[in-house]
Amino acid sequence: MREIERRAFLGAAITALPLALIGQSIKTTTQTKASRISSGEDRFGEHRTLGVSSTDFKVSTQDSGGGLFIMEHTNRKKGGPTRHLHHNQDEWWYAIEGEYVVEVGSERFRLHPGDSILGPREVPHAWAFVGDTHGKLLIAFAPANRMEEYFRRILQTSGGAYPNPNNAQEAQVMREYGMELIGPPLSLE
């Protein structure tokens, strides 16, 4: 019986160790004061257009010591990004306004205001706004890695368009930032 207890203790300790180390590094590298971002505002006072939405950064990678990046999409039209996956971060979606469809792997979900879903790293996913008015979606990446840098780059170089699944250069840029471009956006039919 003692061998089983010892194994259970060691298993729990080994599992908790990475979390303790991550928490320790984040504590020592995050900013020391709160950052309040008003509704409709961006962390840096910038407003960006990306595909069928405008994008505001709410929590920057620097704010969280690399642990988190959060942005808000306000959708004006139906649609969303291409199917892709992240090698190094989980992605979380939270519907604030409107209706969204999110596919994670082979599962499809409808999100209404207040609903959220987590897309694990290494799992292909895509999302789209499907409402009739406008929508608002929070998207978080953890750990942040280079996601903020990626969005800054594509916003500057693409003219605000989502990556094209048939464009090898755009697929290469996604690979540079730890992602894979898998295919077209969700069909809204």
Foldseek 3Di string as FASTA:
>chain_A
DVVVVVVVVVVVCVVCVVVVVVVVQQVVQADDDDQDADPPAASVRDWFAAAQWIKHWDAPCNNRVQFKTKMKTKGADKFWAFWKFFQPKKKKKAWQAAWKWKDWANDIDIHHHGDMDIRGGPTIMAMIGQGDGMTMMMMMIGSNQCVVVLVVVCRVPVVNYHDDLVDPVSQVSQVVRRMGRDGGHDDND
